[in-house]
Protein backbone atom coordinates (compact mmCIF):
# COMPACT_ATOMS: atom_id res chain seq x y z
CA ASP A 1 0.00 0.00 0.00
CA ILE A 2 1.01 3.65 -0.30
CA PRO A 3 2.27 4.24 3.31
CA LYS A 4 4.52 1.17 3.18
CA ARG A 5 5.81 2.12 -0.23
CA CYS A 6 6.62 5.66 0.92
CA GLU A 7 8.34 4.35 4.05
CA LEU A 8 10.66 2.23 1.90
CA LEU A 9 11.37 5.15 -0.43
CA SER A 10 12.17 7.48 2.47
CA LYS A 11 14.77 5.03 3.78
CA ASP A 12 16.59 4.88 0.45
CA HIS A 13 19.42 7.42 0.75
CA LEU A 14 19.88 7.49 -3.04
CA ILE A 15 16.37 8.85 -3.63
CA TYR A 16 15.91 12.57 -3.04
CA SER A 17 12.43 13.21 -4.38
CA TYR A 18 9.30 11.29 -5.30
CA MET A 19 5.59 11.85 -5.82
CA VAL A 20 3.23 8.88 -5.68
CA SER A 21 -0.53 8.42 -5.58
CA GLY A 22 -3.23 5.85 -6.08
CA SER A 23 -5.86 5.86 -8.80
CA TYR A 24 -9.58 6.45 -9.02
CA GLU A 25 -11.56 3.24 -9.30
CA VAL A 26 -12.30 2.18 -12.89
CA PRO A 27 -14.29 -0.71 -14.42
CA SER A 28 -12.32 -3.73 -15.56
CA LYS A 29 -13.64 -3.69 -19.15
CA LYS A 30 -13.93 -0.58 -21.30
CA GLN A 31 -17.06 -1.76 -23.12
CA GLU A 32 -18.94 -1.84 -19.80
CA TRP A 33 -18.31 1.83 -19.03
CA THR A 34 -21.27 4.12 -18.52
CA ILE A 35 -21.43 7.90 -18.43
CA ASN A 36 -21.12 7.83 -14.65
CA GLU A 37 -17.98 5.70 -14.80
CA TYR A 38 -16.31 8.25 -17.05
CA ASN A 39 -17.54 10.87 -14.59
CA THR A 40 -15.75 9.25 -11.64
CA ALA A 41 -12.71 7.46 -13.10
CA PHE A 42 -10.22 10.24 -13.90
CA ALA A 43 -8.73 13.42 -12.48
CA THR A 44 -9.62 15.22 -15.74
CA ARG A 45 -13.38 15.54 -15.96
CA MET A 46 -15.39 14.32 -18.94
CA PHE A 47 -17.58 17.45 -19.32
CA PRO A 48 -15.84 18.99 -22.39
CA ALA A 49 -16.56 15.82 -24.39
CA LEU A 50 -20.31 15.82 -23.73
CA ILE A 51 -22.37 16.48 -26.87
CA SER A 52 -24.67 19.50 -26.97
CA THR A 53 -27.66 17.86 -28.71
CA ASN A 54 -30.94 19.74 -28.98
CA ASN A 55 -32.77 17.09 -26.96
CA ALA A 56 -30.17 17.18 -24.20
CA ILE A 57 -30.39 20.98 -24.04
CA LYS A 58 -34.17 20.74 -23.67
CA ILE A 59 -33.73 18.31 -20.78
CA LEU A 60 -31.12 20.56 -19.16
CA ASP A 61 -33.58 23.45 -19.42
CA ASP A 62 -36.15 21.48 -17.44
CA SER A 63 -36.48 23.35 -14.14
CA LEU A 64 -36.43 20.06 -12.23
CA PHE A 65 -33.33 18.66 -13.92
CA PRO A 66 -30.59 20.49 -11.93
CA GLN A 67 -32.11 19.34 -8.65
CA TYR A 68 -32.59 15.83 -10.02
CA ILE A 69 -29.05 15.41 -11.31
CA GLU A 70 -27.22 17.37 -8.59
CA GLU A 71 -28.24 14.72 -6.08
CA GLY A 72 -25.35 12.89 -7.65
CA ILE A 73 -24.67 9.23 -7.13
CA SER A 74 -27.19 7.12 -5.26
CA TYR A 75 -27.57 3.46 -4.39
CA ASP A 76 -30.53 1.12 -4.47
CA GLN A 77 -31.75 -0.93 -1.53
CA ASP A 78 -29.19 -3.66 -2.27
CA GLY A 79 -26.32 -1.19 -2.15
CA GLU A 80 -25.80 -1.23 -5.93
CA LEU A 81 -25.08 1.97 -7.86
CA ASP A 82 -28.23 3.46 -9.38
CA GLU A 83 -27.38 4.38 -12.98
CA ASN A 84 -30.87 5.62 -13.91
CA LYS A 85 -30.05 9.22 -13.10
CA PHE A 86 -27.32 9.27 -15.73
CA SER A 87 -28.96 7.24 -18.49
CA ILE A 88 -31.15 10.22 -19.39
CA LEU A 89 -28.16 11.97 -20.96
CA GLU A 90 -26.98 8.80 -22.68
CA ALA A 91 -30.40 8.28 -24.24
CA ASP A 92 -30.49 11.80 -25.65
CA GLY A 93 -27.11 11.61 -27.32
CA MET A 94 -25.08 13.73 -24.93
CA PHE A 95 -22.71 10.84 -24.26
CA ASP A 96 -20.83 9.41 -27.26
CA LEU A 97 -18.24 6.74 -26.52
CA GLN A 98 -16.01 7.47 -29.53
CA VAL A 99 -15.93 11.21 -28.81
CA MET A 100 -15.21 10.53 -25.13
CA GLU A 101 -12.27 8.24 -25.94
CA LYS A 102 -10.89 10.69 -28.51
CA TYR A 103 -11.10 13.46 -25.91
CA TYR A 104 -9.12 11.52 -23.33
CA ASP A 105 -6.52 10.52 -25.94
CA CYS A 106 -6.15 14.22 -26.78
CA VAL A 107 -5.77 15.18 -23.10
CA SER A 108 -3.17 12.45 -22.59
CA ALA A 109 -1.14 13.79 -25.54
CA MET A 110 -1.18 17.38 -24.25
CA GLY A 111 -1.52 16.93 -20.50
CA SER A 112 -2.23 14.44 -17.75
CA LYS A 113 -2.27 10.79 -18.81
CA ARG A 114 -5.44 9.30 -17.41
CA PHE A 115 -3.97 5.91 -16.42
CA GLU A 116 -0.45 7.01 -15.47
CA SER A 117 -0.26 10.52 -13.97
CA VAL A 118 -0.40 11.15 -10.24
CA ILE A 119 -3.72 12.35 -8.81
CA SER A 120 -3.98 14.80 -5.93
CA GLY A 121 -7.34 13.34 -4.86
CA ALA A 122 -6.10 9.75 -4.66
CA ALA A 123 -3.80 9.80 -1.62
CA LEU A 124 -1.02 11.85 -3.23
CA VAL A 125 2.22 11.79 -1.23
CA LEU A 126 5.15 14.16 -1.78
CA SER A 127 8.56 13.43 -0.31
CA ASP A 128 10.42 16.03 1.73
CA GLY A 129 12.61 16.64 -1.30
CA ALA A 130 9.63 17.31 -3.57
CA ILE A 131 8.25 19.77 -1.01
CA LEU A 132 11.55 21.55 -0.39
CA ASP A 133 12.90 21.74 -3.95
CA LEU A 134 9.92 23.44 -5.60
CA PRO A 135 7.10 25.60 -4.25
CA PRO A 136 3.46 25.01 -5.17
CA PHE A 137 1.85 27.01 -7.99
CA SER A 138 -0.55 28.60 -5.53
CA ASN A 139 0.35 32.20 -6.43
CA PHE A 140 -1.00 31.97 -9.98
CA ARG A 141 -3.82 34.37 -10.81
CA TRP A 142 -5.89 31.83 -12.74
CA ASN A 143 -7.19 28.40 -11.84
CA VAL A 144 -5.03 25.91 -13.73
CA MET A 145 -5.71 22.22 -14.17
CA TRP A 146 -3.18 19.78 -12.67
CA ILE A 147 -0.93 22.38 -10.98
CA ASP A 148 -0.94 20.49 -7.68
CA ASP A 149 -0.15 17.06 -9.12
CA TYR A 150 0.65 16.33 -12.78
CA LEU A 151 2.35 19.64 -13.65
CA LYS A 152 4.37 19.69 -10.44
CA TYR A 153 5.39 16.08 -11.10
CA GLU A 154 6.46 16.90 -14.66
CA LEU A 155 8.47 19.91 -13.51
CA HIS A 156 10.36 17.79 -10.99
CA ARG A 157 10.94 15.23 -13.73
CA ALA A 158 12.18 17.86 -16.20
CA LEU A 159 14.68 19.13 -13.62
CA GLY A 160 15.97 15.60 -12.95
CA HIS A 161 14.77 15.48 -9.34
CA PHE A 162 13.51 11.92 -9.68
CA GLU A 163 16.83 10.56 -10.96
CA GLY A 164 18.34 10.15 -7.50
CA LYS A 165 21.49 11.36 -5.79
CA PHE A 166 23.82 10.60 -8.70
CA GLY A 167 21.34 11.19 -11.51
CA ASN A 168 21.21 7.55 -12.53
CA GLN A 169 18.41 6.08 -10.41
CA PRO A 170 15.36 4.50 -12.09
CA GLU A 171 12.40 6.86 -11.78
CA VAL A 172 9.94 5.93 -9.03
CA PRO A 173 6.54 5.16 -10.65
CA GLY A 174 4.01 7.87 -9.82
CA ARG A 175 0.84 5.75 -9.86
CA LEU A 176 0.49 2.77 -7.54
CA ASN A 177 -2.13 0.02 -7.60
CA GLU A 178 -4.28 1.53 -4.87
CA TYR A 179 -7.81 2.65 -5.72
CA VAL A 180 -10.31 5.07 -4.25
CA TYR A 181 -13.85 5.71 -5.45
CA LYS A 182 -14.43 9.33 -6.47
CA ASP A 183 -18.04 10.24 -5.66
CA ARG A 184 -19.00 13.09 -8.00
CA PRO A 185 -22.32 14.71 -8.93
CA LEU A 186 -22.73 14.70 -12.69
CA ALA A 187 -23.52 18.38 -13.07
CA GLY A 188 -20.23 19.64 -11.65
CA GLN A 189 -20.07 22.63 -9.37
CA ASN A 190 -23.18 24.33 -10.73
CA ASN A 191 -25.29 24.17 -13.85
CA LEU A 192 -23.61 21.85 -16.33
CA ARG A 193 -23.41 24.22 -19.33
CA PRO A 194 -22.03 27.46 -17.82
CA TYR A 195 -19.77 25.46 -15.52
CA THR A 196 -18.29 23.46 -18.40
CA LEU A 197 -17.89 26.35 -20.85
CA GLY A 198 -16.97 29.15 -18.46
CA SER A 199 -15.05 27.40 -15.69
CA TYR A 200 -13.91 23.89 -16.48
CA ILE A 201 -12.76 24.23 -20.10
CA PRO A 202 -10.71 27.43 -19.46
CA THR A 203 -9.08 25.77 -16.43
CA LEU A 204 -8.25 22.72 -18.54
CA PHE A 205 -7.01 24.97 -21.37
CA PHE A 206 -4.56 26.74 -19.03
CA GLY A 207 -3.25 23.37 -17.84
CA ILE A 208 -2.71 22.23 -21.43
CA ILE A 209 -0.77 25.44 -22.14
CA MET A 210 1.37 25.00 -19.03
CA ASP A 211 2.11 21.43 -20.10
CA SER A 212 3.71 22.85 -23.27
CA TRP A 213 5.91 25.09 -21.12
CA ILE A 214 7.09 22.30 -18.83
CA ARG A 215 7.17 19.04 -20.79
CA ALA A 216 9.24 18.58 -23.95
CA GLU A 217 9.39 15.52 -26.16
CA ASN A 218 13.12 16.07 -26.61
CA GLY A 219 15.46 18.28 -24.61
CA LYS A 220 14.12 20.99 -22.30
CA THR A 221 11.58 23.76 -22.73
CA SER A 222 12.49 27.44 -22.54
CA PHE A 223 10.90 27.69 -19.10
CA VAL A 224 12.70 24.67 -17.63
CA THR A 225 16.01 25.94 -19.04
CA ALA A 226 15.45 29.37 -17.47
CA LEU A 227 14.41 27.90 -14.13
CA GLU A 228 17.38 25.55 -14.03
CA LYS A 229 19.77 28.39 -14.84
CA SER A 230 18.27 30.59 -12.12
CA LEU A 231 18.50 27.81 -9.54
CA ARG A 232 22.17 27.29 -10.34
CA CYS A 233 23.03 31.00 -10.36
CA GLY A 234 20.71 32.04 -7.52
CA THR A 235 19.19 34.89 -9.51
CA PHE A 236 16.67 35.63 -12.27
CA PRO A 237 17.82 38.87 -13.93
CA GLN A 238 15.06 41.31 -14.81
CA GLN A 239 16.35 41.66 -18.38
CA GLU A 240 15.68 37.95 -18.96
CA ARG A 241 12.03 38.19 -17.96
CA HIS A 242 10.53 39.79 -21.10
CA PRO A 243 12.36 37.53 -23.60
CA LEU A 244 11.15 34.48 -21.65
CA ILE A 245 7.55 35.73 -21.69
CA LYS A 246 7.79 36.11 -25.47
CA LEU A 247 9.13 32.56 -25.84
CA LEU A 248 6.35 31.22 -23.61
CA LEU A 249 3.65 32.97 -25.64
CA ASP A 250 5.16 31.66 -28.89
CA ASP A 251 5.05 28.13 -27.47
CA ALA A 252 1.49 28.75 -26.26
CA ILE A 253 0.30 29.64 -29.77
CA LYS A 254 1.82 26.43 -31.14
CA ARG A 255 -0.08 24.47 -28.51
CA VAL A 256 -3.30 26.42 -29.28
CA GLN A 257 -2.96 25.49 -32.95
CA LYS A 258 -2.71 21.83 -32.03
CA LEU A 259 -5.55 22.08 -29.53
CA VAL A 260 -7.95 23.71 -31.99
CA LYS A 261 -7.20 21.05 -34.60
CA GLU A 262 -7.84 18.23 -32.10
CA TRP A 263 -10.89 19.65 -30.33
CA LYS A 264 -12.70 20.55 -33.57
CA GLU A 265 -12.95 16.81 -34.16
CA LEU A 266 -14.73 16.16 -30.85
CA ARG A 267 -18.18 15.92 -32.35
CA THR A 268 -20.70 13.56 -33.86
CA VAL A 269 -21.97 13.83 -37.42
CA THR A 270 -24.67 16.29 -36.37
CA ASP A 271 -23.59 17.92 -33.08
CA LYS A 272 -20.54 19.46 -31.43
CA SER A 273 -19.13 18.69 -28.01
CA PHE A 274 -18.66 21.52 -25.53
CA ALA A 275 -14.93 21.45 -26.35
CA ALA A 276 -15.60 21.83 -30.07
CA LEU A 277 -18.03 24.66 -29.39
CA TRP A 278 -15.42 26.50 -27.34
CA VAL A 279 -12.67 26.37 -29.99
CA GLU A 280 -14.69 27.02 -33.17
CA SER A 281 -18.02 28.70 -32.41
CA ASP A 282 -19.13 32.29 -32.12
CA ARG A 283 -21.13 33.85 -29.33
CA THR A 284 -24.47 33.32 -31.11
CA GLU A 285 -24.03 29.55 -31.24
CA ILE A 286 -22.80 29.31 -27.66
CA GLN A 287 -25.67 31.49 -26.44
CA ARG A 288 -28.11 29.08 -28.10
CA ILE A 289 -26.58 26.26 -26.05
CA LEU A 290 -26.99 28.29 -22.87
CA SER A 291 -30.67 28.77 -23.76
CA ASN A 292 -32.58 29.68 -20.59
CA ILE A 293 -29.52 30.33 -18.40
CA ARG A 294 -29.91 33.64 -16.55
CA PRO A 295 -28.30 36.05 -16.08
CA ILE A 296 -26.46 36.06 -19.40
CA PRO A 297 -22.68 36.31 -18.76
CA ASP A 298 -20.89 39.53 -19.75
CA GLU A 299 -18.31 40.00 -22.51
CA LYS A 300 -15.41 39.02 -20.26
CA TRP A 301 -16.85 35.56 -19.58
CA LEU A 302 -14.30 32.94 -20.64
CA GLY A 303 -17.05 30.64 -21.86
CA TRP A 304 -17.78 32.67 -25.00
CA GLY A 305 -15.03 30.80 -26.80
CA LEU A 306 -11.35 30.84 -27.64
CA LEU A 307 -11.01 32.73 -30.91
CA LYS A 308 -11.74 36.32 -31.88
CA LYS A 309 -13.03 35.10 -35.27
CA PRO A 310 -14.01 31.41 -35.27
CA ALA A 311 -12.90 29.20 -38.17
CA THR A 312 -9.70 31.23 -38.67
CA ASN A 313 -6.15 29.91 -38.49
CA VAL A 314 -4.37 30.88 -35.29
CA SER A 315 -1.04 32.54 -36.03
CA SER A 316 -0.61 34.91 -33.09
CA ILE A 317 -2.04 35.83 -29.74
CA ASP A 318 -4.05 38.56 -31.48
CA ASP A 319 -6.24 35.84 -33.03
CA LEU A 320 -7.57 34.94 -29.57
CA ARG A 321 -10.42 36.69 -27.84
CA PRO A 322 -8.91 39.65 -25.93
CA VAL A 323 -9.88 38.21 -22.54
CA ILE A 324 -8.20 34.88 -23.38
CA ALA A 325 -5.11 36.69 -24.70
CA THR A 326 -4.90 38.62 -21.43
CA CYS A 327 -5.20 35.39 -19.44
CA LEU A 328 -2.36 33.77 -21.41
CA THR A 329 -0.12 36.80 -20.94
CA GLU A 330 -0.80 36.77 -17.20
CA LEU A 331 -0.12 33.03 -17.09
CA ALA A 332 3.26 33.59 -18.79
CA GLU A 333 4.03 36.41 -16.32
CA ASP A 334 3.14 34.11 -13.43
CA MET A 335 5.56 31.48 -14.76
CA CYS A 336 8.30 34.11 -14.47
CA ASN A 337 7.05 35.02 -11.00
CA TYR A 338 7.30 31.33 -10.15
CA ILE A 339 11.03 31.35 -10.94
CA GLU A 340 11.50 34.23 -8.49
CA TRP A 341 9.28 32.49 -5.93
CA THR A 342 11.39 29.33 -6.26
CA LEU A 343 14.52 31.31 -5.37
CA TYR A 344 12.82 32.63 -2.21
CA TRP A 345 11.31 29.26 -1.32
CA PRO A 346 14.13 28.02 0.99
CA ASN A 347 13.79 31.15 3.16
CA PHE A 348 10.03 30.65 3.35
CA VAL A 349 10.46 26.99 4.33
CA GLN A 350 12.92 27.97 7.05
CA SER A 351 10.47 30.46 8.53
CA VAL A 352 7.67 27.88 8.50
CA ARG A 353 9.87 25.26 10.15
CA ALA A 354 10.86 27.75 12.84
CA VAL A 355 7.27 27.67 14.13
CA LYS A 356 6.39 24.62 16.20
CA ILE A 357 3.37 22.53 15.24
CA GLY A 358 0.26 23.77 17.02
CA GLU A 359 1.80 27.10 17.99
CA ILE A 360 -0.33 29.45 15.87
CA LYS A 361 -4.10 29.66 15.51
CA LEU A 362 -4.03 28.87 11.78
CA ASP A 363 -2.64 25.41 12.54
CA VAL A 364 -5.17 22.54 12.68
CA SER A 365 -3.21 21.22 15.68
CA PHE A 366 -3.63 24.47 17.62
CA SER A 367 -5.26 24.27 21.05
CA LYS A 368 -6.12 26.99 23.53
CA ASP A 369 -3.80 25.35 26.06
CA SER A 370 -0.81 26.40 23.96
CA GLU A 371 -1.65 30.14 24.23
């Protein structure tokens, strides 16, 4: 199990850093999967791959549907999972197996691999080295998918932290054969459509962009090279900041081009998925999908889509909607801020360690007796 595995790893003096986790429970055979099993099996949610059929939209507009579906997962009197609540979307074409599989293949190619990457919600454990070497991404201005597990893991990997004391150790596998069941309501955090288009897809998009800045098929990315140089020199000169931002945005546009090409294909013969809508539709088409949602989001809502003019080739950041372009620029700036934060991280860790456990009121171990 995970505690025993981590105990063995911590006793190995050749291993400096590791990150391990279990997995979410999945069915044994793919052909048996239902919409709910895709909903609960992976860290990356299935929502972008759902198909926006007219019948499904009518059902979602039913005033009773949000209450009905938000009850989430339930069990019958024999303790078996009740799938009836989810079959309504399958019957009306919102769930397409081929589109769903294509979506997860796309995510695995440009982000977290669904069967391999570590998962923060499945008993993720970070070694002391993984905690001390790199800070979390918590100072970023935007919500970014995978920044507490997959992206942190890949950054450690890119810097060689998992290669051991002499740089020649076999990498410790991130995913272990331990499983937890992830109980999730189907409709997400709120209504399915605005949540998927305006919250989940942009968060996933930012994670896919950050993946391009951290993980390289060959060699090292511009960001990893800059971070490694700063760690060795102990400084990140101000004059290097702007050139790095430009390189990051250039890499981001290349990833956007690939993303648009892949997500446009996430559709059936007659209907688009939410992901396809987001990368190739205009506001009029997206507003039709929102139908009776009130109030109507303003112009700065991220759910109105990716491109300034849909169906155009992306060649620069100016081809993106202004609000998305601003988000990407801020994300690139935050990557530079992260390099500076990494240089200050040892001082921060020292100050935290100087405070005894339970000594301050913010600590979960605090008791009035210690005042």
